[in-house]
Amino acid sequence: MSDDSSKPYKDRSVWMRGLYMLIFMFFLGIAKFVTFVVVLVQFVNVVFTSDTNQKLLTFGDSLSQYQYQILLFLTYNTEQQPYPMGDWPKPNAPTTPTVSETIDLAGNEPETPIEKRES
């Protein structure tokens, strides 16, 4: 007589994780769409104001961390469930320079004010 309770396909926790994985795949799709919207809004903002929106940078950072947490869960690298089962990730300190501080696509250095020379 064999013990059928030791088979993984009969373990309820395996099926519950599978259900959570399906739910988080759906959330990942929504997060990707929201990321696309953030990218477009940030681009339009840069086109018209020549500077990035700091609130969008912060949200984009936490949104990308959220997607990373989902992928870690889906690939069995962690058992910690992402938001809404866990906490929303806190954004990192902004380290990206503003658009006016970056080098343009042609490789030119950004313009800096010329210091007054003493004669």
C-alpha atoms as a PDB file:
ATOM      1  CA  MET A   1       0.000   0.000   0.000  1.00  0.00           C
ATOM      2  CA  SER A   2       1.491   3.348  -1.007  1.00  0.00           C
ATOM      3  CA  ASP A   3       0.977   6.738   0.574  1.00  0.00           C
ATOM      4  CA  ASP A   4      -0.674   9.009  -2.041  1.00  0.00           C
ATOM      5  CA  SER A   5      -0.485  12.073   0.211  1.00  0.00           C
ATOM      6  CA  SER A   6       3.253  12.432  -0.512  1.00  0.00           C
ATOM      7  CA  LYS A   7       2.694  13.065  -4.229  1.00  0.00           C
ATOM      8  CA  PRO A   8       3.232  16.735  -5.165  1.00  0.00           C
ATOM      9  CA  TYR A   9       0.123  16.913  -7.363  1.00  0.00           C
ATOM     10  CA  LYS A  10      -2.023  16.016  -4.357  1.00  0.00           C
ATOM     11  CA  ASP A  11      -0.535  18.740  -2.178  1.00  0.00           C
ATOM     12  CA  ARG A  12      -2.995  21.607  -1.824  1.00  0.00           C
ATOM     13  CA  SER A  13      -0.219  24.186  -1.299  1.00  0.00           C
ATOM     14  CA  VAL A  14       1.185  23.410  -4.763  1.00  0.00           C
ATOM     15  CA  TRP A  15      -2.197  24.160  -6.335  1.00  0.00           C
ATOM     16  CA  MET A  16      -2.629  27.315  -4.257  1.00  0.00           C
ATOM     17  CA  ARG A  17       0.755  28.561  -5.420  1.00  0.00           C
ATOM     18  CA  GLY A  18      -0.295  27.805  -8.990  1.00  0.00           C
ATOM     19  CA  LEU A  19      -3.425  29.896  -8.489  1.00  0.00           C
ATOM     20  CA  TYR A  20      -1.364  32.753  -7.046  1.00  0.00           C
ATOM     21  CA  MET A  21       1.024  32.455  -9.984  1.00  0.00           C
ATOM     22  CA  LEU A  22      -1.865  32.906 -12.419  1.00  0.00           C
ATOM     23  CA  ILE A  23      -3.096  35.926 -10.482  1.00  0.00           C
ATOM     24  CA  PHE A  24       0.373  37.483 -10.431  1.00  0.00           C
ATOM     25  CA  MET A  25       0.813  36.849 -14.167  1.00  0.00           C
ATOM     26  CA  PHE A  26      -2.346  38.901 -14.665  1.00  0.00           C
ATOM     27  CA  PHE A  27      -0.963  41.641 -12.360  1.00  0.00           C
ATOM     28  CA  LEU A  28       2.308  41.579 -14.304  1.00  0.00           C
ATOM     29  CA  GLY A  29       0.404  42.243 -17.529  1.00  0.00           C
ATOM     30  CA  ILE A  30      -1.344  45.214 -15.919  1.00  0.00           C
ATOM     31  CA  ALA A  31       1.962  46.489 -14.517  1.00  0.00           C
ATOM     32  CA  LYS A  32       3.551  46.301 -17.976  1.00  0.00           C
ATOM     33  CA  PHE A  33       0.698  48.351 -19.430  1.00  0.00           C
ATOM     34  CA  VAL A  34       1.039  50.939 -16.652  1.00  0.00           C
ATOM     35  CA  THR A  35       4.798  51.041 -17.306  1.00  0.00           C
ATOM     36  CA  PHE A  36       4.087  51.750 -20.980  1.00  0.00           C
ATOM     37  CA  VAL A  37       1.816  54.648 -19.966  1.00  0.00           C
ATOM     38  CA  VAL A  38       4.444  56.028 -17.551  1.00  0.00           C
ATOM     39  CA  VAL A  39       7.073  55.846 -20.296  1.00  0.00           C
ATOM     40  CA  LEU A  40       4.852  57.732 -22.738  1.00  0.00           C
ATOM     41  CA  VAL A  41       3.859  60.402 -20.217  1.00  0.00           C
ATOM     42  CA  GLN A  42       7.479  60.870 -19.134  1.00  0.00           C
ATOM     43  CA  PHE A  43       8.599  61.170 -22.763  1.00  0.00           C
ATOM     44  CA  VAL A  44       5.925  63.749 -23.562  1.00  0.00           C
ATOM     45  CA  ASN A  45       6.873  65.632 -20.404  1.00  0.00           C
ATOM     46  CA  VAL A  46      10.532  65.692 -21.459  1.00  0.00           C
ATOM     47  CA  VAL A  47       9.639  66.820 -24.975  1.00  0.00           C
ATOM     48  CA  PHE A  48       7.663  69.801 -23.724  1.00  0.00           C
ATOM     49  CA  THR A  49       9.521  70.755 -20.539  1.00  0.00           C
ATOM     50  CA  SER A  50      13.068  69.439 -21.184  1.00  0.00           C
ATOM     51  CA  ASP A  51      13.068  67.853 -17.735  1.00  0.00           C
ATOM     52  CA  THR A  52      11.868  64.640 -16.114  1.00  0.00           C
ATOM     53  CA  ASN A  53       8.934  64.467 -13.721  1.00  0.00           C
ATOM     54  CA  GLN A  54      10.312  63.396 -10.333  1.00  0.00           C
ATOM     55  CA  LYS A  55       7.031  61.825  -9.226  1.00  0.00           C
ATOM     56  CA  LEU A  56       6.979  59.669 -12.353  1.00  0.00           C
ATOM     57  CA  LEU A  57      10.610  58.700 -11.734  1.00  0.00           C
ATOM     58  CA  THR A  58       9.736  57.602  -8.203  1.00  0.00           C
ATOM     59  CA  PHE A  59       6.634  55.715  -9.305  1.00  0.00           C
ATOM     60  CA  GLY A  60       8.501  54.117 -12.222  1.00  0.00           C
ATOM     61  CA  ASP A  61      11.198  52.922  -9.845  1.00  0.00           C
ATOM     62  CA  SER A  62       8.746  51.284  -7.454  1.00  0.00           C
ATOM     63  CA  LEU A  63       6.741  49.868 -10.376  1.00  0.00           C
ATOM     64  CA  SER A  64       9.841  48.236 -11.851  1.00  0.00           C
ATOM     65  CA  GLN A  65      10.714  46.769  -8.458  1.00  0.00           C
ATOM     66  CA  TYR A  66       7.182  45.411  -8.215  1.00  0.00           C
ATOM     67  CA  GLN A  67       7.541  43.691 -11.589  1.00  0.00           C
ATOM     68  CA  TYR A  68      10.860  42.252 -10.444  1.00  0.00           C
ATOM     69  CA  GLN A  69       9.231  40.900  -7.267  1.00  0.00           C
ATOM     70  CA  ILE A  70       6.517  39.242  -9.354  1.00  0.00           C
ATOM     71  CA  LEU A  71       9.102  37.627 -11.619  1.00  0.00           C
ATOM     72  CA  LEU A  72      11.055  36.353  -8.616  1.00  0.00           C
ATOM     73  CA  PHE A  73       7.874  34.766  -7.268  1.00  0.00           C
ATOM     74  CA  LEU A  74       6.864  33.280 -10.633  1.00  0.00           C
ATOM     75  CA  THR A  75      10.290  31.709 -11.168  1.00  0.00           C
ATOM     76  CA  TYR A  76      10.337  30.155  -7.669  1.00  0.00           C
ATOM     77  CA  ASN A  77      13.239  32.344  -6.540  1.00  0.00           C
ATOM     78  CA  THR A  78      11.206  33.495  -3.548  1.00  0.00           C
ATOM     79  CA  GLU A  79       8.162  32.432  -1.609  1.00  0.00           C
ATOM     80  CA  GLN A  80       7.378  36.006  -0.605  1.00  0.00           C
ATOM     81  CA  GLN A  81       4.269  37.127  -2.436  1.00  0.00           C
ATOM     82  CA  PRO A  82       4.289  40.604  -3.994  1.00  0.00           C
ATOM     83  CA  TYR A  83       1.640  43.292  -3.544  1.00  0.00           C
ATOM     84  CA  PRO A  84      -1.335  42.995  -2.778  1.00  0.00           C
ATOM     85  CA  MET A  85      -0.365  40.025  -0.589  1.00  0.00           C
ATOM     86  CA  GLY A  86       2.787  41.860   0.537  1.00  0.00           C
ATOM     87  CA  ASP A  87       3.857  45.473   0.765  1.00  0.00           C
ATOM     88  CA  TRP A  88       4.280  47.779  -2.243  1.00  0.00           C
ATOM     89  CA  PRO A  89       8.036  48.235  -2.842  1.00  0.00           C
ATOM     90  CA  LYS A  90       9.593  51.490  -1.703  1.00  0.00           C
ATOM     91  CA  PRO A  91      11.450  53.406  -4.424  1.00  0.00           C
ATOM     92  CA  ASN A  92      15.201  53.766  -4.254  1.00  0.00           C
ATOM     93  CA  ALA A  93      16.787  57.170  -3.890  1.00  0.00           C
ATOM     94  CA  PRO A  94      16.814  58.783  -7.322  1.00  0.00           C
ATOM     95  CA  THR A  95      20.229  58.376  -8.889  1.00  0.00           C
ATOM     96  CA  THR A  96      19.352  59.261 -12.443  1.00  0.00           C
ATOM     97  CA  PRO A  97      20.314  62.723 -13.615  1.00  0.00           C
ATOM     98  CA  THR A  98      17.754  65.033 -15.110  1.00  0.00           C
ATOM     99  CA  VAL A  99      17.565  65.321 -18.880  1.00  0.00           C
ATOM    100  CA  SER A 100      19.402  68.644 -18.832  1.00  0.00           C
ATOM    101  CA  GLU A 101      22.338  66.972 -17.051  1.00  0.00           C
ATOM    102  CA  THR A 102      22.745  64.074 -19.455  1.00  0.00           C
ATOM    103  CA  ILE A 103      24.870  63.830 -22.564  1.00  0.00           C
ATOM    104  CA  ASP A 104      22.853  64.126 -25.751  1.00  0.00           C
ATOM    105  CA  LEU A 105      22.665  61.327 -28.323  1.00  0.00           C
ATOM    106  CA  ALA A 106      25.420  62.880 -30.452  1.00  0.00           C
ATOM    107  CA  GLY A 107      27.831  62.493 -27.524  1.00  0.00           C
ATOM    108  CA  ASN A 108      28.161  66.206 -26.802  1.00  0.00           C
ATOM    109  CA  GLU A 109      28.672  67.340 -23.247  1.00  0.00           C
ATOM    110  CA  PRO A 110      25.816  69.318 -21.695  1.00  0.00           C
ATOM    111  CA  GLU A 111      26.072  73.057 -21.861  1.00  0.00           C
ATOM    112  CA  THR A 112      27.413  74.655 -18.738  1.00  0.00           C
ATOM    113  CA  PRO A 113      27.546  78.351 -17.996  1.00  0.00           C
ATOM    114  CA  ILE A 114      30.865  79.979 -18.831  1.00  0.00           C
ATOM    115  CA  GLU A 115      32.568  81.252 -15.761  1.00  0.00           C
ATOM    116  CA  LYS A 116      33.704  84.866 -15.731  1.00  0.00           C
ATOM    117  CA  ARG A 117      37.373  85.191 -16.388  1.00  0.00           C
ATOM    118  CA  GLU A 118      39.335  87.689 -14.464  1.00  0.00           C
ATOM    119  CA  SER A 119      41.315  90.023 -16.699  1.00  0.00           C
END
